[in-house]
Amino acid sequence: MSTLHQLREGLNEAWDTLVDGWQRLYRRAAGAITRFTPGKKAREDEKGAGQEIAVRSAGWGVLAAEVFDDDDQIVVRLEAPGLEKSDFDLEVLDNYLVVRGEKQIERERTEGRYHVTECAYGRFERAIPLPDEVDSSKARANYKSGVLRIELPKAVSRRRRTITVDVH
């Protein structure tokens, strides 16, 4: 086997490993990446300044979430700082918790030719897969310190039961 052939095989293996790693990273992170679009308030702004800020800050952002599954319920924690309780719309569709909301535009002052906007503003929607069937009519949610916590009781038929078996 020639050195060139060995080098080619080594590069192919390295490339395959890199592609596999990117695919695994994409599968793990794809759910957290959320599209922000200009919100209602920006569209209604008569002066146009809010629209300009909204268009510049619209894009992709991360709403990190954790899903905990225990015997009786599923708990979802979603980091969503800068919102109010009334900014959220929650819905269970199929086996997904759909969280919608809108971050309002806050005007910032501009000095000279510079204007810095560090937050994404606008409407967002995130569908979080649920690991089991839930009873959405008994769901509870609370929002505190930038974290939305949703408790979804499992459907009665899906709750884990412990049984004992006597061995003779």
N, C-alpha and C. Protein backbone atom coordinates (compact mmCIF):
# COMPACT_ATOMS: atom_id res chain seq x y z
N MET A 1 0.85 -1.17 0.00
CA MET A 1 0.00 0.00 0.00
C MET A 1 0.90 1.23 0.00
N SER A 2 0.60 2.15 -0.88
CA SER A 2 1.43 3.35 -1.00
C SER A 2 1.11 4.35 0.11
N THR A 3 2.03 5.23 0.36
CA THR A 3 1.86 6.27 1.36
C THR A 3 0.71 7.19 0.99
N LEU A 4 0.57 7.49 -0.29
CA LEU A 4 -0.53 8.34 -0.75
C LEU A 4 -1.88 7.68 -0.48
N HIS A 5 -1.96 6.37 -0.71
CA HIS A 5 -3.20 5.65 -0.46
C HIS A 5 -3.53 5.65 1.04
N GLN A 6 -2.52 5.46 1.90
CA GLN A 6 -2.73 5.49 3.35
C GLN A 6 -3.18 6.87 3.82
N LEU A 7 -2.59 7.90 3.24
CA LEU A 7 -2.97 9.26 3.58
C LEU A 7 -4.42 9.53 3.19
N ARG A 8 -4.81 9.07 2.00
CA ARG A 8 -6.19 9.25 1.52
C ARG A 8 -7.17 8.55 2.45
N GLU A 9 -6.85 7.31 2.87
CA GLU A 9 -7.73 6.57 3.77
C GLU A 9 -7.85 7.27 5.12
N GLY A 10 -6.72 7.78 5.62
CA GLY A 10 -6.73 8.50 6.89
C GLY A 10 -7.58 9.75 6.82
N LEU A 11 -7.50 10.49 5.72
CA LEU A 11 -8.32 11.69 5.54
C LEU A 11 -9.79 11.34 5.43
N ASN A 12 -10.11 10.26 4.73
CA ASN A 12 -11.51 9.83 4.62
C ASN A 12 -12.08 9.45 5.99
N GLU A 13 -11.31 8.74 6.80
CA GLU A 13 -11.76 8.37 8.14
C GLU A 13 -11.95 9.61 9.01
N ALA A 14 -11.01 10.55 8.92
CA ALA A 14 -11.14 11.78 9.70
C ALA A 14 -12.37 12.56 9.27
N TRP A 15 -12.63 12.65 7.98
CA TRP A 15 -13.80 13.36 7.46
C TRP A 15 -15.09 12.71 7.94
N ASP A 16 -15.15 11.37 7.87
CA ASP A 16 -16.35 10.65 8.32
C ASP A 16 -16.60 10.89 9.81
N THR A 17 -15.55 10.91 10.61
CA THR A 17 -15.69 11.16 12.05
C THR A 17 -16.19 12.58 12.30
N LEU A 18 -15.67 13.54 11.57
CA LEU A 18 -16.10 14.93 11.70
C LEU A 18 -17.57 15.08 11.33
N VAL A 19 -17.98 14.48 10.22
CA VAL A 19 -19.37 14.56 9.77
C VAL A 19 -20.29 13.91 10.81
N ASP A 20 -19.89 12.76 11.33
CA ASP A 20 -20.68 12.07 12.34
C ASP A 20 -20.84 12.94 13.59
N GLY A 21 -19.76 13.58 14.02
CA GLY A 21 -19.82 14.46 15.18
C GLY A 21 -20.75 15.63 14.97
N TRP A 22 -20.70 16.26 13.80
CA TRP A 22 -21.59 17.39 13.51
C TRP A 22 -23.05 16.94 13.48
N GLN A 23 -23.30 15.75 12.93
CA GLN A 23 -24.67 15.25 12.89
C GLN A 23 -25.21 14.99 14.30
N ARG A 24 -24.38 14.42 15.18
CA ARG A 24 -24.81 14.19 16.56
C ARG A 24 -25.06 15.51 17.27
N LEU A 25 -24.17 16.48 17.08
CA LEU A 25 -24.36 17.81 17.69
C LEU A 25 -25.64 18.46 17.19
N TYR A 26 -25.90 18.37 15.89
CA TYR A 26 -27.11 18.96 15.32
C TYR A 26 -28.36 18.31 15.92
N ARG A 27 -28.38 16.98 16.03
CA ARG A 27 -29.54 16.29 16.61
C ARG A 27 -29.78 16.71 18.06
N ARG A 28 -28.72 16.91 18.83
CA ARG A 28 -28.87 17.29 20.23
C ARG A 28 -29.30 18.73 20.40
N ALA A 29 -28.82 19.63 19.53
CA ALA A 29 -29.06 21.07 19.72
C ALA A 29 -30.20 21.62 18.89
N ALA A 30 -30.67 20.87 17.89
CA ALA A 30 -31.67 21.41 16.97
C ALA A 30 -32.94 21.88 17.68
N GLY A 31 -33.36 21.19 18.72
CA GLY A 31 -34.58 21.57 19.41
C GLY A 31 -34.46 22.88 20.18
N ALA A 32 -33.28 23.23 20.61
CA ALA A 32 -33.10 24.43 21.42
C ALA A 32 -33.00 25.70 20.59
N ILE A 33 -32.64 25.56 19.33
CA ILE A 33 -32.48 26.73 18.48
C ILE A 33 -33.86 27.18 18.02
N THR A 34 -34.17 28.44 18.28
CA THR A 34 -35.51 28.97 18.06
C THR A 34 -35.44 30.19 17.16
N ARG A 35 -36.35 30.29 16.22
CA ARG A 35 -36.42 31.42 15.30
C ARG A 35 -37.23 32.54 15.93
N PHE A 36 -36.65 33.73 15.99
CA PHE A 36 -37.35 34.92 16.45
C PHE A 36 -37.72 35.75 15.22
N THR A 37 -38.98 36.17 15.13
CA THR A 37 -39.44 37.01 14.03
C THR A 37 -39.97 38.31 14.60
N PRO A 38 -40.02 39.37 13.80
CA PRO A 38 -40.54 40.64 14.33
C PRO A 38 -41.93 40.46 14.94
N GLY A 39 -42.12 41.02 16.12
CA GLY A 39 -43.36 40.85 16.85
C GLY A 39 -44.43 41.86 16.48
N LYS A 40 -45.59 41.68 17.07
CA LYS A 40 -46.75 42.52 16.80
C LYS A 40 -46.49 43.99 17.12
N LYS A 41 -45.83 44.26 18.25
CA LYS A 41 -45.59 45.63 18.65
C LYS A 41 -44.73 46.37 17.62
N ALA A 42 -43.73 45.67 17.08
CA ALA A 42 -42.86 46.30 16.08
C ALA A 42 -43.64 46.61 14.80
N ARG A 43 -44.56 45.72 14.43
CA ARG A 43 -45.34 45.95 13.21
C ARG A 43 -46.31 47.11 13.37
N GLU A 44 -46.77 47.35 14.62
CA GLU A 44 -47.73 48.42 14.87
C GLU A 44 -47.07 49.77 15.14
N ASP A 45 -45.76 49.78 15.28
CA ASP A 45 -45.03 51.02 15.60
C ASP A 45 -45.14 51.99 14.42
N GLU A 46 -45.70 53.16 14.68
CA GLU A 46 -45.93 54.15 13.62
C GLU A 46 -44.65 54.83 13.17
N LYS A 47 -43.70 55.02 14.08
CA LYS A 47 -42.51 55.77 13.74
C LYS A 47 -41.50 54.96 12.95
N GLY A 48 -41.59 53.65 12.97
CA GLY A 48 -40.67 52.83 12.20
C GLY A 48 -39.39 52.48 12.93
N ALA A 49 -39.06 53.16 14.03
CA ALA A 49 -37.82 52.86 14.75
C ALA A 49 -37.89 51.47 15.37
N GLY A 50 -39.03 51.10 15.92
CA GLY A 50 -39.19 49.77 16.50
C GLY A 50 -39.07 48.69 15.45
N GLN A 51 -39.60 48.95 14.27
CA GLN A 51 -39.51 47.98 13.18
C GLN A 51 -38.05 47.75 12.80
N GLU A 52 -37.28 48.81 12.75
CA GLU A 52 -35.86 48.70 12.39
C GLU A 52 -35.11 47.84 13.41
N ILE A 53 -35.35 48.06 14.70
CA ILE A 53 -34.71 47.27 15.75
C ILE A 53 -35.15 45.82 15.64
N ALA A 54 -36.43 45.59 15.41
CA ALA A 54 -36.96 44.23 15.33
C ALA A 54 -36.34 43.47 14.18
N VAL A 55 -36.21 44.10 13.04
CA VAL A 55 -35.65 43.43 11.87
C VAL A 55 -34.18 43.09 12.12
N ARG A 56 -33.44 43.99 12.73
CA ARG A 56 -32.03 43.73 13.00
C ARG A 56 -31.83 42.64 14.05
N SER A 57 -32.72 42.55 15.03
CA SER A 57 -32.52 41.57 16.08
C SER A 57 -33.24 40.26 15.82
N ALA A 58 -34.07 40.20 14.78
CA ALA A 58 -34.74 38.94 14.44
C ALA A 58 -33.68 37.96 13.97
N GLY A 59 -33.88 36.73 14.28
CA GLY A 59 -32.94 35.70 13.86
C GLY A 59 -33.06 34.50 14.76
N TRP A 60 -31.98 33.80 14.92
CA TRP A 60 -31.98 32.57 15.70
C TRP A 60 -31.46 32.82 17.10
N GLY A 61 -32.06 32.18 18.06
CA GLY A 61 -31.62 32.27 19.45
C GLY A 61 -31.83 30.93 20.14
N VAL A 62 -31.34 30.81 21.34
CA VAL A 62 -31.46 29.56 22.07
C VAL A 62 -32.37 29.76 23.27
N LEU A 63 -33.36 28.91 23.38
CA LEU A 63 -34.21 28.83 24.57
C LEU A 63 -33.91 27.47 25.18
N ALA A 64 -32.95 27.43 26.08
CA ALA A 64 -32.53 26.17 26.68
C ALA A 64 -33.66 25.57 27.50
N ALA A 65 -33.82 24.25 27.40
CA ALA A 65 -34.88 23.56 28.13
C ALA A 65 -34.35 22.26 28.71
N GLU A 66 -34.96 21.88 29.83
CA GLU A 66 -34.69 20.58 30.45
C GLU A 66 -36.01 19.87 30.62
N VAL A 67 -36.02 18.56 30.40
CA VAL A 67 -37.22 17.75 30.57
C VAL A 67 -36.90 16.66 31.59
N PHE A 68 -37.69 16.63 32.68
CA PHE A 68 -37.53 15.62 33.72
C PHE A 68 -38.74 14.70 33.69
N ASP A 69 -38.48 13.41 33.75
CA ASP A 69 -39.54 12.41 33.72
C ASP A 69 -39.48 11.60 35.01
N ASP A 70 -40.54 11.68 35.82
CA ASP A 70 -40.57 10.83 37.01
C ASP A 70 -41.81 9.94 36.95
N ASP A 71 -42.13 9.29 38.04
CA ASP A 71 -43.22 8.32 38.02
C ASP A 71 -44.58 8.91 37.65
N ASP A 72 -44.88 10.11 38.14
CA ASP A 72 -46.22 10.65 38.00
C ASP A 72 -46.35 11.85 37.06
N GLN A 73 -45.25 12.50 36.74
CA GLN A 73 -45.36 13.72 35.93
C GLN A 73 -44.10 13.95 35.11
N ILE A 74 -44.24 14.84 34.14
CA ILE A 74 -43.12 15.33 33.35
C ILE A 74 -42.99 16.81 33.67
N VAL A 75 -41.77 17.22 33.98
CA VAL A 75 -41.50 18.62 34.30
C VAL A 75 -40.60 19.19 33.22
N VAL A 76 -41.01 20.32 32.66
CA VAL A 76 -40.21 21.01 31.65
C VAL A 76 -39.80 22.36 32.22
N ARG A 77 -38.50 22.66 32.17
CA ARG A 77 -37.98 23.96 32.58
C ARG A 77 -37.40 24.62 31.34
N LEU A 78 -37.83 25.85 31.07
CA LEU A 78 -37.41 26.57 29.88
C LEU A 78 -36.86 27.93 30.30
N GLU A 79 -35.63 28.23 29.89
CA GLU A 79 -35.03 29.53 30.20
C GLU A 79 -35.56 30.55 29.21
N ALA A 80 -36.27 31.54 29.70
CA ALA A 80 -36.86 32.57 28.84
C ALA A 80 -36.83 33.90 29.58
N PRO A 81 -35.64 34.47 29.76
CA PRO A 81 -35.55 35.73 30.53
C PRO A 81 -36.16 36.91 29.79
N GLY A 82 -36.58 37.90 30.57
CA GLY A 82 -37.07 39.15 30.00
C GLY A 82 -38.52 39.13 29.57
N LEU A 83 -39.28 38.13 29.99
CA LEU A 83 -40.69 38.06 29.62
C LEU A 83 -41.56 38.21 30.85
N GLU A 84 -42.84 38.34 30.61
CA GLU A 84 -43.84 38.37 31.68
C GLU A 84 -44.67 37.09 31.55
N LYS A 85 -45.38 36.73 32.61
CA LYS A 85 -46.22 35.53 32.58
C LYS A 85 -47.21 35.58 31.42
N SER A 86 -47.74 36.74 31.18
CA SER A 86 -48.77 36.89 30.14
C SER A 86 -48.20 36.78 28.72
N ASP A 87 -46.88 36.77 28.58
CA ASP A 87 -46.28 36.68 27.24
C ASP A 87 -46.25 35.26 26.69
N PHE A 88 -46.60 34.26 27.50
CA PHE A 88 -46.51 32.86 27.08
C PHE A 88 -47.85 32.30 26.65
N ASP A 89 -47.81 31.42 25.67
CA ASP A 89 -48.95 30.63 25.25
C ASP A 89 -48.46 29.18 25.22
N LEU A 90 -49.07 28.32 26.04
CA LEU A 90 -48.65 26.92 26.15
C LEU A 90 -49.74 26.02 25.61
N GLU A 91 -49.31 24.96 24.90
CA GLU A 91 -50.26 24.03 24.32
C GLU A 91 -49.60 22.67 24.19
N VAL A 92 -50.36 21.60 24.45
CA VAL A 92 -49.87 20.25 24.22
C VAL A 92 -50.52 19.74 22.95
N LEU A 93 -49.67 19.40 21.96
CA LEU A 93 -50.14 18.85 20.69
C LEU A 93 -49.42 17.54 20.46
N ASP A 94 -50.20 16.48 20.26
CA ASP A 94 -49.63 15.13 20.12
C ASP A 94 -48.71 14.88 21.31
N ASN A 95 -47.47 14.58 21.10
CA ASN A 95 -46.54 14.36 22.20
C ASN A 95 -45.53 15.49 22.29
N TYR A 96 -45.99 16.71 22.06
CA TYR A 96 -45.12 17.89 22.12
C TYR A 96 -45.75 18.96 23.01
N LEU A 97 -44.89 19.62 23.79
CA LEU A 97 -45.30 20.83 24.49
C LEU A 97 -44.87 21.99 23.59
N VAL A 98 -45.82 22.79 23.14
CA VAL A 98 -45.53 23.91 22.26
C VAL A 98 -45.58 25.18 23.11
N VAL A 99 -44.46 25.89 23.14
CA VAL A 99 -44.35 27.13 23.90
C VAL A 99 -44.20 28.26 22.89
N ARG A 100 -45.15 29.20 22.94
CA ARG A 100 -45.10 30.37 22.07
C ARG A 100 -45.02 31.60 22.96
N GLY A 101 -44.45 32.65 22.41
CA GLY A 101 -44.37 33.87 23.17
C GLY A 101 -43.88 35.01 22.32
N GLU A 102 -43.75 36.16 22.96
CA GLU A 102 -43.24 37.33 22.25
C GLU A 102 -42.47 38.19 23.23
N LYS A 103 -41.23 38.49 22.86
CA LYS A 103 -40.43 39.44 23.63
C LYS A 103 -40.73 40.81 23.06
N GLN A 104 -41.02 41.76 23.93
CA GLN A 104 -41.36 43.11 23.49
C GLN A 104 -40.11 43.93 23.19
N ILE A 105 -40.23 44.84 22.29
CA ILE A 105 -39.10 45.70 21.93
C ILE A 105 -38.93 46.78 22.98
N GLU A 106 -37.71 46.96 23.42
CA GLU A 106 -37.37 48.05 24.32
C GLU A 106 -36.48 49.01 23.54
N ARG A 107 -36.85 50.22 23.53
CA ARG A 107 -36.04 51.19 22.79
C ARG A 107 -34.75 51.48 23.54
N GLU A 108 -33.70 51.60 22.78
CA GLU A 108 -32.40 51.93 23.34
C GLU A 108 -31.91 53.18 22.65
N ARG A 109 -31.12 53.95 23.34
CA ARG A 109 -30.66 55.18 22.71
C ARG A 109 -29.42 54.92 21.87
N THR A 110 -29.27 55.74 20.88
CA THR A 110 -28.15 55.64 19.97
C THR A 110 -27.26 56.86 20.17
N GLU A 111 -25.97 56.61 20.24
CA GLU A 111 -25.02 57.71 20.36
C GLU A 111 -24.10 57.67 19.16
N GLY A 112 -24.07 58.75 18.45
CA GLY A 112 -23.23 58.78 17.24
C GLY A 112 -23.77 57.80 16.21
N ARG A 113 -22.87 57.05 15.64
CA ARG A 113 -23.27 56.09 14.61
C ARG A 113 -23.48 54.70 15.17
N TYR A 114 -23.42 54.53 16.50
CA TYR A 114 -23.48 53.20 17.09
C TYR A 114 -24.78 52.95 17.83
N HIS A 115 -25.28 51.76 17.64
CA HIS A 115 -26.46 51.29 18.37
C HIS A 115 -26.24 49.80 18.62
N VAL A 116 -26.33 49.41 19.88
CA VAL A 116 -26.07 48.02 20.22
C VAL A 116 -27.34 47.39 20.76
N THR A 117 -27.75 46.27 20.17
CA THR A 117 -28.86 45.48 20.67
C THR A 117 -28.31 44.09 20.94
N GLU A 118 -28.35 43.68 22.20
CA GLU A 118 -27.76 42.40 22.55
C GLU A 118 -28.79 41.30 22.71
N CYS A 119 -30.06 41.60 22.71
CA CYS A 119 -31.10 40.60 22.90
C CYS A 119 -31.91 40.43 21.63
N ALA A 120 -32.45 39.23 21.45
CA ALA A 120 -33.35 38.99 20.32
C ALA A 120 -34.77 39.32 20.76
N TYR A 121 -35.48 40.06 19.95
CA TYR A 121 -36.85 40.43 20.26
C TYR A 121 -37.75 39.89 19.18
N GLY A 122 -38.98 39.61 19.54
CA GLY A 122 -39.95 39.17 18.56
C GLY A 122 -40.69 37.93 19.03
N ARG A 123 -41.45 37.38 18.11
CA ARG A 123 -42.24 36.18 18.40
C ARG A 123 -41.35 34.95 18.30
N PHE A 124 -41.69 33.93 19.10
CA PHE A 124 -40.96 32.68 19.03
C PHE A 124 -41.91 31.53 19.28
N GLU A 125 -41.49 30.35 18.87
CA GLU A 125 -42.25 29.13 19.10
C GLU A 125 -41.25 27.99 19.23
N ARG A 126 -41.44 27.17 20.23
CA ARG A 126 -40.56 26.02 20.44
C ARG A 126 -41.41 24.81 20.76
N ALA A 127 -41.19 23.71 20.05
CA ALA A 127 -41.90 22.45 20.31
C ALA A 127 -40.94 21.50 21.02
N ILE A 128 -41.30 21.12 22.23
CA ILE A 128 -40.46 20.26 23.06
C ILE A 128 -41.09 18.87 23.10
N PRO A 129 -40.37 17.86 22.61
CA PRO A 129 -40.94 16.51 22.63
C PRO A 129 -41.11 16.00 24.06
N LEU A 130 -42.27 15.40 24.32
CA LEU A 130 -42.56 14.84 25.64
C LEU A 130 -42.32 13.34 25.60
N PRO A 131 -41.67 12.79 26.62
CA PRO A 131 -41.33 11.37 26.60
C PRO A 131 -42.50 10.42 26.88
N ASP A 132 -43.65 10.95 27.26
CA ASP A 132 -44.79 10.11 27.59
C ASP A 132 -46.08 10.90 27.40
N GLU A 133 -47.23 10.20 27.42
CA GLU A 133 -48.52 10.88 27.29
C GLU A 133 -48.84 11.61 28.59
N VAL A 134 -49.44 12.79 28.46
CA VAL A 134 -49.76 13.61 29.63
C VAL A 134 -51.23 13.98 29.64
N ASP A 135 -51.70 14.38 30.81
CA ASP A 135 -53.06 14.90 30.97
C ASP A 135 -52.94 16.42 31.00
N SER A 136 -53.08 17.05 29.85
CA SER A 136 -52.85 18.49 29.75
C SER A 136 -53.89 19.31 30.52
N SER A 137 -55.04 18.74 30.81
CA SER A 137 -56.06 19.49 31.56
C SER A 137 -55.63 19.75 33.00
N LYS A 138 -54.65 19.01 33.50
CA LYS A 138 -54.17 19.19 34.88
C LYS A 138 -52.78 19.82 34.93
N ALA A 139 -52.34 20.37 33.83
CA ALA A 139 -51.00 20.97 33.78
C ALA A 139 -50.96 22.25 34.61
N ARG A 140 -49.77 22.52 35.17
CA ARG A 140 -49.55 23.75 35.93
C ARG A 140 -48.26 24.37 35.43
N ALA A 141 -48.23 25.70 35.44
CA ALA A 141 -47.02 26.40 35.01
C ALA A 141 -46.77 27.58 35.93
N ASN A 142 -45.50 27.90 36.11
CA ASN A 142 -45.16 29.12 36.82
C ASN A 142 -43.89 29.69 36.20
N TYR A 143 -43.76 31.00 36.32
CA TYR A 143 -42.64 31.72 35.73
C TYR A 143 -41.99 32.57 36.80
N LYS A 144 -40.71 32.30 37.06
CA LYS A 144 -40.02 33.03 38.11
C LYS A 144 -38.55 33.15 37.73
N SER A 145 -38.01 34.35 37.89
CA SER A 145 -36.59 34.64 37.64
C SER A 145 -36.13 34.17 36.26
N GLY A 146 -36.97 34.36 35.26
CA GLY A 146 -36.58 34.04 33.89
C GLY A 146 -36.70 32.59 33.51
N VAL A 147 -37.27 31.76 34.39
CA VAL A 147 -37.41 30.33 34.10
C VAL A 147 -38.89 29.96 34.14
N LEU A 148 -39.36 29.39 33.04
CA LEU A 148 -40.74 28.89 32.94
C LEU A 148 -40.71 27.41 33.32
N ARG A 149 -41.52 27.03 34.32
CA ARG A 149 -41.58 25.64 34.78
C ARG A 149 -42.99 25.13 34.52
N ILE A 150 -43.09 24.05 33.76
CA ILE A 150 -44.38 23.46 33.44
C ILE A 150 -44.41 22.04 34.00
N GLU A 151 -45.43 21.74 34.80
CA GLU A 151 -45.61 20.40 35.35
C GLU A 151 -46.79 19.76 34.64
N LEU A 152 -46.53 18.64 33.99
CA LEU A 152 -47.54 17.94 33.21
C LEU A 152 -47.77 16.55 33.81
N PRO A 153 -48.89 16.34 34.52
CA PRO A 153 -49.15 15.01 35.06
C PRO A 153 -49.30 13.98 33.94
N LYS A 154 -48.74 12.81 34.15
CA LYS A 154 -48.86 11.76 33.14
C LYS A 154 -50.30 11.27 33.08
N ALA A 155 -50.69 10.80 31.90
CA ALA A 155 -52.00 10.18 31.75
C ALA A 155 -52.04 8.98 32.69
N VAL A 156 -53.18 8.74 33.31
CA VAL A 156 -53.30 7.68 34.31
C VAL A 156 -52.81 6.35 33.76
N SER A 157 -53.12 6.04 32.52
CA SER A 157 -52.71 4.76 31.94
C SER A 157 -51.20 4.66 31.72
N ARG A 158 -50.49 5.79 31.76
CA ARG A 158 -49.05 5.80 31.47
C ARG A 158 -48.18 5.91 32.73
N ARG A 159 -48.80 6.07 33.88
CA ARG A 159 -48.01 6.20 35.12
C ARG A 159 -47.36 4.87 35.46
N ARG A 160 -46.18 4.95 35.98
CA ARG A 160 -45.46 3.73 36.38
C ARG A 160 -46.06 3.18 37.66
N ARG A 161 -46.23 1.90 37.67
CA ARG A 161 -46.76 1.24 38.86
C ARG A 161 -45.74 0.23 39.34
N THR A 162 -45.61 0.12 40.63
CA THR A 162 -44.73 -0.89 41.21
C THR A 162 -45.58 -2.06 41.65
N ILE A 163 -45.19 -3.23 41.20
CA ILE A 163 -45.90 -4.43 41.62
C ILE A 163 -44.88 -5.38 42.27
N THR A 164 -45.36 -6.16 43.18
CA THR A 164 -44.48 -7.15 43.80
C THR A 164 -44.92 -8.54 43.34
N VAL A 165 -43.94 -9.36 43.13
CA VAL A 165 -44.20 -10.71 42.69
C VAL A 165 -43.58 -11.64 43.71
N ASP A 166 -44.38 -12.54 44.23
CA ASP A 166 -43.87 -13.54 45.18
C ASP A 166 -43.22 -14.67 44.40
N VAL A 167 -42.02 -15.00 44.81
CA VAL A 167 -41.32 -16.11 44.19
C VAL A 167 -41.47 -17.32 45.10
N HIS A 168 -41.96 -18.43 44.55
CA HIS A 168 -42.16 -19.66 45.35
C HIS A 168 -41.11 -20.66 45.02
